[in-house]
Amino acid sequence: MTTPETSAPRKTRLIPLTDWPKHHPWPPLGGLRHLAFNRHSNGFSRCVRKIGRRLLIDEAEFFAWVAEQDRASADAD
């Protein structure tokens, strides 16, 4: 049996915010900047890692966050 402490860390890729369009067509850079700027009020902070002045987007966490937003939207309908 594995526990969270003994399991391997989740593999993810940290993408600099300005390089996001090189890897994914959506969201556009302006939309991503909006999400990152308002990250403390919209729950997006879990997707952002700030190293100095640089913002990095946790790719796996971003897509998990998008899926949760989709589920919440579907539940509200």
PDB file of N, CA and C in Angstrom:
ATOM      1  N   MET A   1       0.852  -1.177   0.000  1.00  0.00           N
ATOM      2  CA  MET A   1       0.000   0.000   0.000  1.00  0.00           C
ATOM      3  C   MET A   1       0.893   1.234   0.000  1.00  0.00           C
ATOM      4  N   THR A   2       0.569   2.170  -0.852  1.00  0.00           N
ATOM      5  CA  THR A   2       1.360   3.400  -0.880  1.00  0.00           C
ATOM      6  C   THR A   2       0.588   4.508  -0.195  1.00  0.00           C
ATOM      7  N   THR A   3       1.312   5.331   0.461  1.00  0.00           N
ATOM      8  CA  THR A   3       0.716   6.495   1.106  1.00  0.00           C
ATOM      9  C   THR A   3       1.198   7.731   0.374  1.00  0.00           C
ATOM     10  N   PRO A   4       0.556   8.866   0.571  1.00  0.00           N
ATOM     11  CA  PRO A   4       1.008  10.082  -0.121  1.00  0.00           C
ATOM     12  C   PRO A   4       2.475  10.404   0.149  1.00  0.00           C
ATOM     13  N   GLU A   5       2.968  10.051   1.335  1.00  0.00           N
ATOM     14  CA  GLU A   5       4.355  10.347   1.657  1.00  0.00           C
ATOM     15  C   GLU A   5       5.325   9.452   0.891  1.00  0.00           C
ATOM     16  N   THR A   6       4.925   8.214   0.580  1.00  0.00           N
ATOM     17  CA  THR A   6       5.837   7.280  -0.060  1.00  0.00           C
ATOM     18  C   THR A   6       5.623   7.185  -1.561  1.00  0.00           C
ATOM     19  N   SER A   7       4.536   7.714  -2.074  1.00  0.00           N
ATOM     20  CA  SER A   7       4.303   7.628  -3.511  1.00  0.00           C
ATOM     21  C   SER A   7       5.205   8.624  -4.240  1.00  0.00           C
ATOM     22  N   ALA A   8       5.464   8.331  -5.501  1.00  0.00           N
ATOM     23  CA  ALA A   8       6.315   9.203  -6.306  1.00  0.00           C
ATOM     24  C   ALA A   8       5.626  10.550  -6.511  1.00  0.00           C
ATOM     25  N   PRO A   9       6.397  11.620  -6.551  1.00  0.00           N
ATOM     26  CA  PRO A   9       5.784  12.923  -6.783  1.00  0.00           C
ATOM     27  C   PRO A   9       5.147  12.977  -8.167  1.00  0.00           C
ATOM     28  N   ARG A  10       4.065  13.729  -8.265  1.00  0.00           N
ATOM     29  CA  ARG A  10       3.351  13.866  -9.522  1.00  0.00           C
ATOM     30  C   ARG A  10       4.231  14.615 -10.512  1.00  0.00           C
ATOM     31  N   LYS A  11       4.331  14.094 -11.714  1.00  0.00           N
ATOM     32  CA  LYS A  11       5.138  14.757 -12.736  1.00  0.00           C
ATOM     33  C   LYS A  11       4.299  15.854 -13.365  1.00  0.00           C
ATOM     34  N   THR A  12       4.895  17.007 -13.460  1.00  0.00           N
ATOM     35  CA  THR A  12       4.226  18.135 -14.074  1.00  0.00           C
ATOM     36  C   THR A  12       5.259  18.989 -14.775  1.00  0.00           C
ATOM     37  N   ARG A  13       4.781  19.883 -15.571  1.00  0.00           N
ATOM     38  CA  ARG A  13       5.666  20.802 -16.276  1.00  0.00           C
ATOM     39  C   ARG A  13       5.290  22.203 -15.856  1.00  0.00           C
ATOM     40  N   LEU A  14       6.283  22.990 -15.471  1.00  0.00           N
ATOM     41  CA  LEU A  14       6.064  24.388 -15.128  1.00  0.00           C
ATOM     42  C   LEU A  14       6.437  25.215 -16.350  1.00  0.00           C
ATOM     43  N   ILE A  15       5.436  25.917 -16.884  1.00  0.00           N
ATOM     44  CA  ILE A  15       5.631  26.698 -18.101  1.00  0.00           C
ATOM     45  C   ILE A  15       5.592  28.175 -17.741  1.00  0.00           C
ATOM     46  N   PRO A  16       6.626  28.937 -18.130  1.00  0.00           N
ATOM     47  CA  PRO A  16       6.552  30.382 -17.900  1.00  0.00           C
ATOM     48  C   PRO A  16       5.301  30.948 -18.574  1.00  0.00           C
ATOM     49  N   LEU A  17       4.622  31.842 -17.888  1.00  0.00           N
ATOM     50  CA  LEU A  17       3.369  32.393 -18.398  1.00  0.00           C
ATOM     51  C   LEU A  17       3.532  32.905 -19.825  1.00  0.00           C
ATOM     52  N   THR A  18       4.625  33.602 -20.109  1.00  0.00           N
ATOM     53  CA  THR A  18       4.811  34.173 -21.445  1.00  0.00           C
ATOM     54  C   THR A  18       5.090  33.120 -22.512  1.00  0.00           C
ATOM     55  N   ASP A  19       5.475  31.905 -22.104  1.00  0.00           N
ATOM     56  CA  ASP A  19       5.730  30.833 -23.067  1.00  0.00           C
ATOM     57  C   ASP A  19       4.526  29.915 -23.275  1.00  0.00           C
ATOM     58  N   TRP A  20       3.445  30.137 -22.542  1.00  0.00           N
ATOM     59  CA  TRP A  20       2.262  29.274 -22.648  1.00  0.00           C
ATOM     60  C   TRP A  20       1.789  29.093 -24.091  1.00  0.00           C
ATOM     61  N   PRO A  21       1.702  30.169 -24.905  1.00  0.00           N
ATOM     62  CA  PRO A  21       1.227  29.996 -26.287  1.00  0.00           C
ATOM     63  C   PRO A  21       2.110  29.095 -27.146  1.00  0.00           C
ATOM     64  N   LYS A  22       3.357  28.873 -26.755  1.00  0.00           N
ATOM     65  CA  LYS A  22       4.229  27.967 -27.502  1.00  0.00           C
ATOM     66  C   LYS A  22       3.812  26.515 -27.310  1.00  0.00           C
ATOM     67  N   HIS A  23       3.085  26.240 -26.209  1.00  0.00           N
ATOM     68  CA  HIS A  23       2.707  24.871 -25.867  1.00  0.00           C
ATOM     69  C   HIS A  23       1.223  24.586 -26.056  1.00  0.00           C
ATOM     70  N   HIS A  24       0.385  25.605 -25.864  1.00  0.00           N
ATOM     71  CA  HIS A  24      -1.068  25.420 -25.926  1.00  0.00           C
ATOM     72  C   HIS A  24      -1.728  26.623 -26.604  1.00  0.00           C
ATOM     73  N   PRO A  25      -2.722  26.369 -27.463  1.00  0.00           N
ATOM     74  CA  PRO A  25      -3.390  27.491 -28.138  1.00  0.00           C
ATOM     75  C   PRO A  25      -4.411  28.219 -27.255  1.00  0.00           C
ATOM     76  N   TRP A  26      -4.846  27.577 -26.176  1.00  0.00           N
ATOM     77  CA  TRP A  26      -5.852  28.172 -25.300  1.00  0.00           C
ATOM     78  C   TRP A  26      -5.389  28.068 -23.864  1.00  0.00           C
ATOM     79  N   PRO A  27      -5.643  29.025 -23.046  1.00  0.00           N
ATOM     80  CA  PRO A  27      -6.201  30.341 -23.340  1.00  0.00           C
ATOM     81  C   PRO A  27      -5.132  31.242 -23.948  1.00  0.00           C
ATOM     82  N   PRO A  28      -5.570  32.288 -24.651  1.00  0.00           N
ATOM     83  CA  PRO A  28      -4.585  33.229 -25.191  1.00  0.00           C
ATOM     84  C   PRO A  28      -3.843  33.916 -24.047  1.00  0.00           C
ATOM     85  N   LEU A  29      -2.728  34.497 -24.361  1.00  0.00           N
ATOM     86  CA  LEU A  29      -1.869  35.094 -23.348  1.00  0.00           C
ATOM     87  C   LEU A  29      -2.603  36.144 -22.514  1.00  0.00           C
ATOM     88  N   GLY A  30      -3.427  36.967 -23.147  1.00  0.00           N
ATOM     89  CA  GLY A  30      -4.174  37.984 -22.401  1.00  0.00           C
ATOM     90  C   GLY A  30      -5.134  37.369 -21.396  1.00  0.00           C
ATOM     91  N   GLY A  31      -5.799  36.300 -21.793  1.00  0.00           N
ATOM     92  CA  GLY A  31      -6.719  35.613 -20.878  1.00  0.00           C
ATOM     93  C   GLY A  31      -5.990  34.955 -19.731  1.00  0.00           C
ATOM     94  N   LEU A  32      -4.836  34.391 -20.024  1.00  0.00           N
ATOM     95  CA  LEU A  32      -4.027  33.747 -18.986  1.00  0.00           C
ATOM     96  C   LEU A  32      -3.496  34.788 -18.004  1.00  0.00           C
ATOM     97  N   ARG A  33      -3.094  35.947 -18.524  1.00  0.00           N
ATOM     98  CA  ARG A  33      -2.637  37.029 -17.641  1.00  0.00           C
ATOM     99  C   ARG A  33      -3.769  37.485 -16.717  1.00  0.00           C
ATOM    100  N   HIS A  34      -4.982  37.565 -17.264  1.00  0.00           N
ATOM    101  CA  HIS A  34      -6.142  37.958 -16.458  1.00  0.00           C
ATOM    102  C   HIS A  34      -6.370  36.944 -15.334  1.00  0.00           C
ATOM    103  N   LEU A  35      -6.325  35.654 -15.661  1.00  0.00           N
ATOM    104  CA  LEU A  35      -6.494  34.615 -14.638  1.00  0.00           C
ATOM    105  C   LEU A  35      -5.409  34.723 -13.573  1.00  0.00           C
ATOM    106  N   ALA A  36      -4.160  34.930 -14.007  1.00  0.00           N
ATOM    107  CA  ALA A  36      -3.045  35.002 -13.058  1.00  0.00           C
ATOM    108  C   ALA A  36      -3.131  36.259 -12.192  1.00  0.00           C
ATOM    109  N   PHE A  37      -3.524  37.394 -12.778  1.00  0.00           N
ATOM    110  CA  PHE A  37      -3.619  38.637 -12.017  1.00  0.00           C
ATOM    111  C   PHE A  37      -4.678  38.532 -10.929  1.00  0.00           C
ATOM    112  N   ASN A  38      -5.788  37.848 -11.227  1.00  0.00           N
ATOM    113  CA  ASN A  38      -6.898  37.703 -10.284  1.00  0.00           C
ATOM    114  C   ASN A  38      -6.872  36.351  -9.572  1.00  0.00           C
ATOM    115  N   ARG A  39      -5.719  35.716  -9.495  1.00  0.00           N
ATOM    116  CA  ARG A  39      -5.609  34.349  -8.985  1.00  0.00           C
ATOM    117  C   ARG A  39      -6.050  34.170  -7.547  1.00  0.00           C
ATOM    118  N   HIS A  40      -5.964  35.210  -6.736  1.00  0.00           N
ATOM    119  CA  HIS A  40      -6.346  35.057  -5.328  1.00  0.00           C
ATOM    120  C   HIS A  40      -7.860  35.096  -5.134  1.00  0.00           C
ATOM    121  N   SER A  41      -8.580  35.637  -6.111  1.00  0.00           N
ATOM    122  CA  SER A  41     -10.039  35.700  -5.977  1.00  0.00           C
ATOM    123  C   SER A  41     -10.759  34.648  -6.830  1.00  0.00           C
ATOM    124  N   ASN A  42     -10.065  34.033  -7.791  1.00  0.00           N
ATOM    125  CA  ASN A  42     -10.742  33.078  -8.666  1.00  0.00           C
ATOM    126  C   ASN A  42     -10.281  31.625  -8.479  1.00  0.00           C
ATOM    127  N   GLY A  43      -9.408  31.387  -7.510  1.00  0.00           N
ATOM    128  CA  GLY A  43      -8.934  30.030  -7.252  1.00  0.00           C
ATOM    129  C   GLY A  43      -7.809  29.571  -8.156  1.00  0.00           C
ATOM    130  N   PHE A  44      -7.345  30.440  -9.038  1.00  0.00           N
ATOM    131  CA  PHE A  44      -6.291  30.078  -9.985  1.00  0.00           C
ATOM    132  C   PHE A  44      -4.918  30.038  -9.322  1.00  0.00           C
ATOM    133  N   SER A  45      -4.821  30.502  -8.087  1.00  0.00           N
ATOM    134  CA  SER A  45      -3.522  30.549  -7.403  1.00  0.00           C
ATOM    135  C   SER A  45      -2.899  29.166  -7.263  1.00  0.00           C
ATOM    136  N   ARG A  46      -3.712  28.129  -7.265  1.00  0.00           N
ATOM    137  CA  ARG A  46      -3.159  26.774  -7.148  1.00  0.00           C
ATOM    138  C   ARG A  46      -2.411  26.359  -8.413  1.00  0.00           C
ATOM    139  N   CYS A  47      -2.623  27.066  -9.513  1.00  0.00           N
ATOM    140  CA  CYS A  47      -1.968  26.757 -10.783  1.00  0.00           C
ATOM    141  C   CYS A  47      -0.701  27.562 -11.006  1.00  0.00           C
ATOM    142  N   VAL A  48      -0.476  28.579 -10.183  1.00  0.00           N
ATOM    143  CA  VAL A  48       0.626  29.515 -10.404  1.00  0.00           C
ATOM    144  C   VAL A  48       1.716  29.315  -9.364  1.00  0.00           C
ATOM    145  N   ARG A  49       2.949  29.278  -9.829  1.00  0.00           N
ATOM    146  CA  ARG A  49       4.113  29.278  -8.947  1.00  0.00           C
ATOM    147  C   ARG A  49       4.872  30.561  -9.266  1.00  0.00           C
ATOM    148  N   LYS A  50       5.176  31.329  -8.248  1.00  0.00           N
ATOM    149  CA  LYS A  50       5.887  32.588  -8.466  1.00  0.00           C
ATOM    150  C   LYS A  50       7.309  32.428  -7.952  1.00  0.00           C
ATOM    151  N   ILE A  51       8.250  32.579  -8.849  1.00  0.00           N
ATOM    152  CA  ILE A  51       9.669  32.507  -8.513  1.00  0.00           C
ATOM    153  C   ILE A  51      10.254  33.883  -8.832  1.00  0.00           C
ATOM    154  N   GLY A  52      10.549  34.639  -7.792  1.00  0.00           N
ATOM    155  CA  GLY A  52      10.989  36.015  -8.006  1.00  0.00           C
ATOM    156  C   GLY A  52       9.855  36.797  -8.647  1.00  0.00           C
ATOM    157  N   ARG A  53      10.110  37.372  -9.799  1.00  0.00           N
ATOM    158  CA  ARG A  53       9.065  38.104 -10.529  1.00  0.00           C
ATOM    159  C   ARG A  53       8.424  37.254 -11.617  1.00  0.00           C
ATOM    160  N   ARG A  54       8.928  36.053 -11.809  1.00  0.00           N
ATOM    161  CA  ARG A  54       8.453  35.199 -12.891  1.00  0.00           C
ATOM    162  C   ARG A  54       7.279  34.345 -12.440  1.00  0.00           C
ATOM    163  N   LEU A  55       6.243  34.286 -13.273  1.00  0.00           N
ATOM    164  CA  LEU A  55       5.086  33.435 -13.008  1.00  0.00           C
ATOM    165  C   LEU A  55       5.189  32.181 -13.869  1.00  0.00           C
ATOM    166  N   LEU A  56       5.092  31.039 -13.214  1.00  0.00           N
ATOM    167  CA  LEU A  56       5.116  29.750 -13.890  1.00  0.00           C
ATOM    168  C   LEU A  56       3.757  29.098 -13.729  1.00  0.00           C
ATOM    169  N   ILE A  57       3.262  28.498 -14.782  1.00  0.00           N
ATOM    170  CA  ILE A  57       1.966  27.816 -14.753  1.00  0.00           C
ATOM    171  C   ILE A  57       2.224  26.319 -14.643  1.00  0.00           C
ATOM    172  N   ASP A  58       1.645  25.704 -13.623  1.00  0.00           N
ATOM    173  CA  ASP A  58       1.707  24.258 -13.439  1.00  0.00           C
ATOM    174  C   ASP A  58       0.712  23.651 -14.432  1.00  0.00           C
ATOM    175  N   GLU A  59       1.232  23.019 -15.470  1.00  0.00           N
ATOM    176  CA  GLU A  59       0.404  22.535 -16.571  1.00  0.00           C
ATOM    177  C   GLU A  59      -0.664  21.534 -16.113  1.00  0.00           C
ATOM    178  N   ALA A  60      -0.275  20.542 -15.336  1.00  0.00           N
ATOM    179  CA  ALA A  60      -1.234  19.531 -14.877  1.00  0.00           C
ATOM    180  C   ALA A  60      -2.295  20.158 -13.978  1.00  0.00           C
ATOM    181  N   GLU A  61      -1.880  21.055 -13.103  1.00  0.00           N
ATOM    182  CA  GLU A  61      -2.828  21.708 -12.195  1.00  0.00           C
ATOM    183  C   GLU A  61      -3.776  22.622 -12.967  1.00  0.00           C
ATOM    184  N   PHE A  62      -3.281  23.266 -14.024  1.00  0.00           N
ATOM    185  CA  PHE A  62      -4.128  24.112 -14.862  1.00  0.00           C
ATOM    186  C   PHE A  62      -5.284  23.309 -15.449  1.00  0.00           C
ATOM    187  N   PHE A  63      -4.972  22.152 -16.034  1.00  0.00           N
ATOM    188  CA  PHE A  63      -6.027  21.361 -16.665  1.00  0.00           C
ATOM    189  C   PHE A  63      -6.964  20.739 -15.633  1.00  0.00           C
ATOM    190  N   ALA A  64      -6.468  20.438 -14.440  1.00  0.00           N
ATOM    191  CA  ALA A  64      -7.345  19.975 -13.358  1.00  0.00           C
ATOM    192  C   ALA A  64      -8.279  21.103 -12.940  1.00  0.00           C
ATOM    193  N   TRP A  65      -7.759  22.334 -12.856  1.00  0.00           N
ATOM    194  CA  TRP A  65      -8.570  23.502 -12.489  1.00  0.00           C
ATOM    195  C   TRP A  65      -9.651  23.749 -13.541  1.00  0.00           C
ATOM    196  N   VAL A  66      -9.291  23.631 -14.811  1.00  0.00           N
ATOM    197  CA  VAL A  66     -10.263  23.814 -15.900  1.00  0.00           C
ATOM    198  C   VAL A  66     -11.371  22.772 -15.787  1.00  0.00           C
ATOM    199  N   ALA A  67     -11.026  21.523 -15.513  1.00  0.00           N
ATOM    200  CA  ALA A  67     -12.028  20.460 -15.375  1.00  0.00           C
ATOM    201  C   ALA A  67     -12.969  20.749 -14.208  1.00  0.00           C
ATOM    202  N   GLU A  68     -12.423  21.260 -13.101  1.00  0.00           N
ATOM    203  CA  GLU A  68     -13.274  21.602 -11.951  1.00  0.00           C
ATOM    204  C   GLU A  68     -14.213  22.751 -12.281  1.00  0.00           C
ATOM    205  N   GLN A  69     -13.729  23.728 -13.042  1.00  0.00           N
ATOM    206  CA  GLN A  69     -14.579  24.846 -13.438  1.00  0.00           C
ATOM    207  C   GLN A  69     -15.716  24.343 -14.328  1.00  0.00           C
ATOM    208  N   ASP A  70     -15.398  23.391 -15.195  1.00  0.00           N
ATOM    209  CA  ASP A  70     -16.410  22.818 -16.081  1.00  0.00           C
ATOM    210  C   ASP A  70     -17.462  22.059 -15.276  1.00  0.00           C
ATOM    211  N   ARG A  71     -17.014  21.269 -14.290  1.00  0.00           N
ATOM    212  CA  ARG A  71     -17.964  20.534 -13.436  1.00  0.00           C
ATOM    213  C   ARG A  71     -18.845  21.488 -12.642  1.00  0.00           C
ATOM    214  N   ALA A  72     -18.259  22.542 -12.103  1.00  0.00           N
ATOM    215  CA  ALA A  72     -19.036  23.510 -11.322  1.00  0.00           C
ATOM    216  C   ALA A  72     -20.061  24.207 -12.190  1.00  0.00           C
ATOM    217  N   SER A  73     -19.689  24.487 -13.432  1.00  0.00           N
ATOM    218  CA  SER A  73     -20.609  25.132 -14.363  1.00  0.00           C
ATOM    219  C   SER A  73     -21.753  24.188 -14.723  1.00  0.00           C
ATOM    220  N   ALA A  74     -21.449  22.915 -14.923  1.00  0.00           N
ATOM    221  CA  ALA A  74     -22.470  21.934 -15.258  1.00  0.00           C
ATOM    222  C   ALA A  74     -23.417  21.719 -14.084  1.00  0.00           C
ATOM    223  N   ASP A  75     -22.898  21.735 -12.863  1.00  0.00           N
ATOM    224  CA  ASP A  75     -23.737  21.558 -11.680  1.00  0.00           C
ATOM    225  C   ASP A  75     -24.675  22.737 -11.481  1.00  0.00           C
ATOM    226  N   ALA A  76     -24.246  23.925 -11.883  1.00  0.00           N
ATOM    227  CA  ALA A  76     -25.059  25.123 -11.704  1.00  0.00           C
ATOM    228  C   ALA A  76     -26.215  25.155 -12.704  1.00  0.00           C
ATOM    229  N   ASP A  77     -26.074  24.452 -13.812  1.00  0.00           N
ATOM    230  CA  ASP A  77     -27.134  24.467 -14.838  1.00  0.00           C
ATOM    231  C   ASP A  77     -28.295  23.631 -14.464  1.00  0.00           C
TER     232      ASP A  77
END
